[in-house]
Amino acid sequence: LGMKPNNFTYNSLISACERGHQLDKAFEIFAGMKDVGVMPDLISYNALISACKGHWKKAFEIVEEMKRAGVTPDIFTYNSLISACEKGQQLDMAFDVLESMKSANVEPDVVTYNSLITACKNAGMKERAMMVFENLKEA
């Protein structure tokens, strides 16, 4: 047919890998898209970061690559990073992401706060979870 995969095609495949917990395959597809000259966009990077559940170091590496490529992180990027930190039991890193997010003038949303509350709960830090909840109510 002469049709070639585009960003939408690759982004869909990476998202499918994320849902199927196939992180290595997601990275393979991401590398493959670049190999054939399809440049990742914000959605590509966000899908790959989202696939990094618990692999917080890889998620941060992707964000650094994203920035080097001139792609600006958005709310989904930051929320996915916080989620990766939460699943990787990196509570302090999750709060560092929140601060980076605010410094970048990206407003936290309910997903941001829910992820932070879950991270605090999982770390057994009820008081810190309540502080996050209070911040949510004031937002």
N, C-alpha and C. Protein backbone atom coordinates (compact mmCIF):
# COMPACT_ATOMS: atom_id res chain seq x y z
N LEU A 1 0.81 -1.21 0.00
CA LEU A 1 0.00 0.00 0.00
C LEU A 1 0.85 1.26 0.00
N GLY A 2 2.13 1.15 0.34
CA GLY A 2 3.00 2.31 0.32
C GLY A 2 2.85 3.22 1.54
N MET A 3 2.09 2.80 2.51
CA MET A 3 1.91 3.62 3.71
C MET A 3 3.01 3.31 4.71
N LYS A 4 3.42 4.33 5.44
CA LYS A 4 4.46 4.15 6.44
C LYS A 4 3.91 4.56 7.80
N PRO A 5 4.41 3.91 8.86
CA PRO A 5 3.98 4.30 10.20
C PRO A 5 4.40 5.74 10.51
N ASN A 6 3.56 6.44 11.27
CA ASN A 6 3.87 7.81 11.67
C ASN A 6 3.86 7.91 13.20
N ASN A 7 3.95 9.11 13.73
CA ASN A 7 3.96 9.29 15.18
C ASN A 7 2.75 8.64 15.83
N PHE A 8 1.59 8.84 15.24
CA PHE A 8 0.37 8.28 15.82
C PHE A 8 0.49 6.76 15.93
N THR A 9 1.00 6.12 14.89
CA THR A 9 1.16 4.67 14.88
C THR A 9 2.11 4.22 15.99
N TYR A 10 3.28 4.84 16.04
CA TYR A 10 4.27 4.47 17.04
C TYR A 10 3.78 4.78 18.46
N ASN A 11 3.14 5.93 18.63
CA ASN A 11 2.62 6.29 19.95
C ASN A 11 1.59 5.28 20.43
N SER A 12 0.75 4.82 19.51
CA SER A 12 -0.26 3.80 19.85
C SER A 12 0.41 2.50 20.28
N LEU A 13 1.47 2.13 19.58
CA LEU A 13 2.19 0.89 19.93
C LEU A 13 2.87 1.02 21.30
N ILE A 14 3.50 2.16 21.55
CA ILE A 14 4.15 2.37 22.85
C ILE A 14 3.11 2.33 23.97
N SER A 15 1.96 2.96 23.74
CA SER A 15 0.89 2.94 24.75
C SER A 15 0.37 1.53 24.98
N ALA A 16 0.28 0.75 23.92
CA ALA A 16 -0.16 -0.65 24.06
C ALA A 16 0.85 -1.43 24.90
N CYS A 17 2.13 -1.16 24.69
CA CYS A 17 3.17 -1.82 25.50
C CYS A 17 3.04 -1.42 26.96
N GLU A 18 2.74 -0.16 27.20
CA GLU A 18 2.55 0.32 28.58
C GLU A 18 1.41 -0.45 29.24
N ARG A 19 0.30 -0.57 28.56
CA ARG A 19 -0.85 -1.29 29.12
C ARG A 19 -0.55 -2.76 29.32
N GLY A 20 0.33 -3.31 28.47
CA GLY A 20 0.69 -4.72 28.57
C GLY A 20 1.92 -4.98 29.42
N HIS A 21 2.42 -3.96 30.09
CA HIS A 21 3.60 -4.08 30.96
C HIS A 21 4.81 -4.63 30.20
N GLN A 22 5.01 -4.14 28.99
CA GLN A 22 6.11 -4.57 28.13
C GLN A 22 7.10 -3.41 27.94
N LEU A 23 7.77 -3.04 29.02
CA LEU A 23 8.67 -1.89 28.99
C LEU A 23 9.78 -2.04 27.96
N ASP A 24 10.43 -3.20 27.92
CA ASP A 24 11.52 -3.41 26.96
C ASP A 24 11.03 -3.24 25.53
N LYS A 25 9.85 -3.76 25.25
CA LYS A 25 9.28 -3.64 23.90
C LYS A 25 8.96 -2.18 23.59
N ALA A 26 8.48 -1.43 24.58
CA ALA A 26 8.19 0.00 24.38
C ALA A 26 9.47 0.74 24.00
N PHE A 27 10.58 0.44 24.69
CA PHE A 27 11.86 1.08 24.36
C PHE A 27 12.33 0.66 22.97
N GLU A 28 12.10 -0.58 22.62
CA GLU A 28 12.47 -1.07 21.28
C GLU A 28 11.70 -0.33 20.19
N ILE A 29 10.42 -0.15 20.41
CA ILE A 29 9.58 0.57 19.43
C ILE A 29 10.01 2.03 19.36
N PHE A 30 10.29 2.63 20.50
CA PHE A 30 10.72 4.03 20.56
C PHE A 30 12.02 4.21 19.78
N ALA A 31 12.97 3.31 19.99
CA ALA A 31 14.25 3.38 19.25
C ALA A 31 14.01 3.15 17.76
N GLY A 32 13.12 2.22 17.44
CA GLY A 32 12.83 1.91 16.05
C GLY A 32 12.22 3.07 15.30
N MET A 33 11.38 3.83 15.98
CA MET A 33 10.77 4.97 15.30
C MET A 33 11.83 6.00 14.93
N LYS A 34 12.79 6.20 15.83
CA LYS A 34 13.88 7.15 15.54
C LYS A 34 14.77 6.61 14.41
N ASP A 35 14.99 5.31 14.41
CA ASP A 35 15.83 4.68 13.38
C ASP A 35 15.28 4.89 11.97
N VAL A 36 13.96 4.95 11.85
CA VAL A 36 13.35 5.14 10.52
C VAL A 36 13.01 6.60 10.23
N GLY A 37 13.49 7.51 11.13
CA GLY A 37 13.33 8.93 10.86
C GLY A 37 12.04 9.56 11.36
N VAL A 38 11.29 8.83 12.18
CA VAL A 38 10.08 9.42 12.78
C VAL A 38 10.50 9.97 14.14
N MET A 39 10.47 11.29 14.26
CA MET A 39 10.95 11.92 15.49
C MET A 39 9.87 11.86 16.58
N PRO A 40 10.26 11.43 17.76
CA PRO A 40 9.29 11.38 18.86
C PRO A 40 8.76 12.77 19.18
N ASP A 41 7.47 12.81 19.52
CA ASP A 41 6.85 14.06 19.95
C ASP A 41 6.51 13.96 21.43
N LEU A 42 5.84 14.96 21.95
CA LEU A 42 5.48 14.98 23.36
C LEU A 42 4.72 13.72 23.76
N ILE A 43 3.81 13.30 22.93
CA ILE A 43 3.01 12.10 23.23
C ILE A 43 3.88 10.86 23.25
N SER A 44 4.85 10.77 22.36
CA SER A 44 5.77 9.62 22.33
C SER A 44 6.53 9.53 23.65
N TYR A 45 7.11 10.65 24.05
CA TYR A 45 7.87 10.67 25.29
C TYR A 45 6.98 10.35 26.49
N ASN A 46 5.80 10.96 26.54
CA ASN A 46 4.91 10.73 27.66
C ASN A 46 4.46 9.27 27.74
N ALA A 47 4.21 8.67 26.60
CA ALA A 47 3.80 7.25 26.59
C ALA A 47 4.93 6.38 27.13
N LEU A 48 6.16 6.68 26.74
CA LEU A 48 7.29 5.89 27.21
C LEU A 48 7.53 6.10 28.71
N ILE A 49 7.41 7.34 29.17
CA ILE A 49 7.56 7.62 30.60
C ILE A 49 6.48 6.89 31.39
N SER A 50 5.26 6.92 30.88
CA SER A 50 4.16 6.24 31.54
C SER A 50 4.39 4.73 31.63
N ALA A 51 5.09 4.19 30.66
CA ALA A 51 5.39 2.75 30.64
C ALA A 51 6.43 2.37 31.70
N CYS A 52 7.10 3.36 32.26
CA CYS A 52 8.20 3.11 33.22
C CYS A 52 7.71 2.90 34.64
N LYS A 53 6.56 2.34 34.82
CA LYS A 53 5.99 2.12 36.16
C LYS A 53 7.03 1.51 37.10
N GLY A 54 7.43 2.27 38.10
CA GLY A 54 8.38 1.79 39.09
C GLY A 54 9.84 1.90 38.66
N HIS A 55 10.08 2.10 37.38
CA HIS A 55 11.45 2.25 36.86
C HIS A 55 11.74 3.75 36.79
N TRP A 56 11.81 4.38 37.95
CA TRP A 56 11.89 5.82 38.02
C TRP A 56 13.17 6.37 37.39
N LYS A 57 14.29 5.66 37.50
CA LYS A 57 15.53 6.15 36.89
C LYS A 57 15.38 6.25 35.38
N LYS A 58 14.78 5.23 34.77
CA LYS A 58 14.57 5.27 33.31
C LYS A 58 13.64 6.42 32.94
N ALA A 59 12.62 6.64 33.76
CA ALA A 59 11.67 7.73 33.48
C ALA A 59 12.40 9.08 33.47
N PHE A 60 13.29 9.29 34.42
CA PHE A 60 14.05 10.55 34.48
C PHE A 60 15.01 10.66 33.28
N GLU A 61 15.59 9.54 32.86
CA GLU A 61 16.48 9.55 31.69
C GLU A 61 15.71 9.97 30.44
N ILE A 62 14.48 9.49 30.31
CA ILE A 62 13.65 9.85 29.15
C ILE A 62 13.35 11.35 29.17
N VAL A 63 13.06 11.89 30.35
CA VAL A 63 12.76 13.32 30.45
C VAL A 63 13.98 14.14 30.04
N GLU A 64 15.16 13.70 30.44
CA GLU A 64 16.37 14.41 30.04
C GLU A 64 16.55 14.36 28.52
N GLU A 65 16.33 13.20 27.92
CA GLU A 65 16.41 13.08 26.46
C GLU A 65 15.38 13.98 25.80
N MET A 66 14.20 13.99 26.37
CA MET A 66 13.09 14.80 25.86
C MET A 66 13.49 16.28 25.83
N LYS A 67 14.06 16.75 26.92
CA LYS A 67 14.48 18.15 27.00
C LYS A 67 15.58 18.45 26.00
N ARG A 68 16.54 17.52 25.86
CA ARG A 68 17.62 17.72 24.87
C ARG A 68 17.06 17.81 23.45
N ALA A 69 15.96 17.11 23.21
CA ALA A 69 15.32 17.13 21.89
C ALA A 69 14.44 18.37 21.69
N GLY A 70 14.38 19.22 22.72
CA GLY A 70 13.59 20.45 22.60
C GLY A 70 12.11 20.27 22.86
N VAL A 71 11.73 19.16 23.49
CA VAL A 71 10.33 18.89 23.79
C VAL A 71 10.09 19.27 25.25
N THR A 72 9.12 20.13 25.49
CA THR A 72 8.84 20.65 26.83
C THR A 72 7.89 19.72 27.59
N PRO A 73 8.29 19.30 28.79
CA PRO A 73 7.40 18.47 29.60
C PRO A 73 6.09 19.19 29.92
N ASP A 74 5.01 18.42 30.01
CA ASP A 74 3.71 18.98 30.35
C ASP A 74 3.18 18.31 31.62
N ILE A 75 1.95 18.58 31.98
CA ILE A 75 1.36 18.03 33.19
C ILE A 75 1.40 16.50 33.18
N PHE A 76 1.16 15.89 32.03
CA PHE A 76 1.17 14.43 31.94
C PHE A 76 2.58 13.90 32.20
N THR A 77 3.58 14.59 31.68
CA THR A 77 4.98 14.20 31.90
C THR A 77 5.29 14.17 33.39
N TYR A 78 4.97 15.28 34.06
CA TYR A 78 5.27 15.38 35.49
C TYR A 78 4.47 14.37 36.30
N ASN A 79 3.20 14.19 35.97
CA ASN A 79 2.38 13.23 36.70
C ASN A 79 2.90 11.80 36.50
N SER A 80 3.36 11.49 35.30
CA SER A 80 3.93 10.16 35.03
C SER A 80 5.22 9.96 35.81
N LEU A 81 6.03 11.02 35.92
CA LEU A 81 7.26 10.93 36.72
C LEU A 81 6.94 10.69 38.20
N ILE A 82 5.96 11.43 38.71
CA ILE A 82 5.57 11.25 40.10
C ILE A 82 5.05 9.83 40.32
N SER A 83 4.28 9.34 39.38
CA SER A 83 3.76 7.97 39.48
C SER A 83 4.89 6.94 39.46
N ALA A 84 5.88 7.15 38.60
CA ALA A 84 7.04 6.24 38.54
C ALA A 84 7.78 6.26 39.88
N CYS A 85 7.92 7.45 40.47
CA CYS A 85 8.57 7.56 41.78
C CYS A 85 7.75 6.86 42.85
N GLU A 86 6.45 7.05 42.79
CA GLU A 86 5.56 6.42 43.77
C GLU A 86 5.68 4.90 43.69
N LYS A 87 5.62 4.37 42.48
CA LYS A 87 5.70 2.92 42.30
C LYS A 87 7.10 2.38 42.62
N GLY A 88 8.11 3.24 42.48
CA GLY A 88 9.49 2.86 42.80
C GLY A 88 9.88 3.19 44.23
N GLN A 89 8.89 3.58 45.03
CA GLN A 89 9.09 3.90 46.45
C GLN A 89 10.15 4.99 46.65
N GLN A 90 10.05 6.03 45.85
CA GLN A 90 10.96 7.17 45.91
C GLN A 90 10.17 8.42 46.29
N LEU A 91 9.71 8.45 47.53
CA LEU A 91 8.83 9.52 47.99
C LEU A 91 9.47 10.91 47.86
N ASP A 92 10.71 11.05 48.31
CA ASP A 92 11.36 12.36 48.24
C ASP A 92 11.52 12.82 46.79
N MET A 93 11.83 11.88 45.91
CA MET A 93 11.96 12.23 44.48
C MET A 93 10.61 12.69 43.92
N ALA A 94 9.53 12.07 44.37
CA ALA A 94 8.20 12.47 43.91
C ALA A 94 7.93 13.93 44.28
N PHE A 95 8.32 14.30 45.50
CA PHE A 95 8.13 15.69 45.93
C PHE A 95 9.09 16.63 45.21
N ASP A 96 10.27 16.15 44.85
CA ASP A 96 11.19 16.95 44.03
C ASP A 96 10.58 17.24 42.66
N VAL A 97 9.89 16.25 42.10
CA VAL A 97 9.21 16.44 40.81
C VAL A 97 8.13 17.51 40.95
N LEU A 98 7.40 17.46 42.04
CA LEU A 98 6.37 18.48 42.29
C LEU A 98 6.99 19.88 42.28
N GLU A 99 8.13 20.03 42.94
CA GLU A 99 8.80 21.34 42.97
C GLU A 99 9.29 21.74 41.58
N SER A 100 9.83 20.79 40.84
CA SER A 100 10.28 21.07 39.46
C SER A 100 9.11 21.50 38.59
N MET A 101 8.02 20.84 38.80
CA MET A 101 6.79 21.13 38.06
C MET A 101 6.35 22.57 38.31
N LYS A 102 6.32 22.94 39.57
CA LYS A 102 5.92 24.31 39.93
C LYS A 102 6.91 25.32 39.38
N SER A 103 8.21 25.00 39.43
CA SER A 103 9.24 25.90 38.89
C SER A 103 9.09 26.10 37.40
N ALA A 104 8.55 25.08 36.72
CA ALA A 104 8.34 25.16 35.27
C ALA A 104 6.98 25.78 34.94
N ASN A 105 6.30 26.32 35.96
CA ASN A 105 4.98 26.95 35.80
C ASN A 105 3.93 25.97 35.26
N VAL A 106 4.05 24.71 35.68
CA VAL A 106 3.03 23.71 35.35
C VAL A 106 2.24 23.48 36.64
N GLU A 107 0.95 23.79 36.60
CA GLU A 107 0.11 23.69 37.79
C GLU A 107 -0.23 22.24 38.09
N PRO A 108 0.02 21.80 39.33
CA PRO A 108 -0.39 20.45 39.72
C PRO A 108 -1.91 20.31 39.60
N ASP A 109 -2.38 19.11 39.30
CA ASP A 109 -3.81 18.86 39.22
C ASP A 109 -4.18 17.76 40.21
N VAL A 110 -5.41 17.32 40.17
CA VAL A 110 -5.88 16.31 41.11
C VAL A 110 -5.10 15.00 40.96
N VAL A 111 -4.67 14.67 39.75
CA VAL A 111 -3.88 13.46 39.52
C VAL A 111 -2.54 13.58 40.25
N THR A 112 -1.93 14.76 40.17
CA THR A 112 -0.67 15.02 40.86
C THR A 112 -0.82 14.76 42.36
N TYR A 113 -1.82 15.38 42.94
CA TYR A 113 -2.02 15.25 44.38
C TYR A 113 -2.39 13.82 44.79
N ASN A 114 -3.22 13.16 43.98
CA ASN A 114 -3.59 11.77 44.29
C ASN A 114 -2.36 10.86 44.28
N SER A 115 -1.47 11.07 43.31
CA SER A 115 -0.25 10.26 43.24
C SER A 115 0.63 10.50 44.45
N LEU A 116 0.74 11.76 44.87
CA LEU A 116 1.55 12.08 46.04
C LEU A 116 0.94 11.51 47.32
N ILE A 117 -0.38 11.57 47.44
CA ILE A 117 -1.06 11.00 48.61
C ILE A 117 -0.83 9.49 48.65
N THR A 118 -0.93 8.83 47.49
CA THR A 118 -0.70 7.38 47.43
C THR A 118 0.75 7.06 47.80
N ALA A 119 1.69 7.87 47.33
CA ALA A 119 3.10 7.66 47.66
C ALA A 119 3.33 7.78 49.16
N CYS A 120 2.71 8.79 49.78
CA CYS A 120 2.83 8.98 51.23
C CYS A 120 2.21 7.80 51.97
N LYS A 121 1.04 7.38 51.53
CA LYS A 121 0.35 6.25 52.17
C LYS A 121 1.21 5.00 52.10
N ASN A 122 1.76 4.73 50.93
CA ASN A 122 2.58 3.53 50.75
C ASN A 122 3.87 3.58 51.58
N ALA A 123 4.34 4.79 51.87
CA ALA A 123 5.54 4.95 52.69
C ALA A 123 5.20 5.00 54.19
N GLY A 124 3.91 4.87 54.50
CA GLY A 124 3.49 4.89 55.90
C GLY A 124 3.54 6.28 56.52
N MET A 125 3.46 7.30 55.68
CA MET A 125 3.56 8.68 56.17
C MET A 125 2.19 9.36 56.09
N LYS A 126 1.33 9.01 57.04
CA LYS A 126 -0.05 9.53 57.05
C LYS A 126 -0.09 11.04 57.21
N GLU A 127 0.78 11.57 58.07
CA GLU A 127 0.76 13.02 58.31
C GLU A 127 1.12 13.78 57.03
N ARG A 128 2.11 13.28 56.31
CA ARG A 128 2.51 13.95 55.07
C ARG A 128 1.40 13.83 54.03
N ALA A 129 0.71 12.70 54.01
CA ALA A 129 -0.44 12.52 53.10
C ALA A 129 -1.52 13.55 53.42
N MET A 130 -1.76 13.79 54.70
CA MET A 130 -2.77 14.78 55.09
C MET A 130 -2.33 16.19 54.68
N MET A 131 -1.04 16.48 54.76
CA MET A 131 -0.54 17.79 54.31
C MET A 131 -0.80 17.97 52.82
N VAL A 132 -0.55 16.93 52.04
CA VAL A 132 -0.79 16.99 50.60
C VAL A 132 -2.28 17.22 50.35
N PHE A 133 -3.12 16.52 51.10
CA PHE A 133 -4.57 16.67 50.96
C PHE A 133 -4.99 18.10 51.27
N GLU A 134 -4.42 18.68 52.31
CA GLU A 134 -4.74 20.07 52.65
C GLU A 134 -4.32 21.01 51.53
N ASN A 135 -3.15 20.76 50.92
CA ASN A 135 -2.70 21.58 49.79
C ASN A 135 -3.65 21.45 48.62
N LEU A 136 -4.17 20.26 48.41
CA LEU A 136 -5.13 20.03 47.32
C LEU A 136 -6.39 20.87 47.56
N LYS A 137 -6.87 20.87 48.78
CA LYS A 137 -8.09 21.62 49.09
C LYS A 137 -7.89 23.12 48.88
N GLU A 138 -6.63 23.59 49.09
CA GLU A 138 -6.34 25.01 48.94
C GLU A 138 -6.06 25.40 47.48
N ALA A 139 -5.80 24.41 46.65
CA ALA A 139 -5.44 24.69 45.25
C ALA A 139 -6.64 25.13 44.43
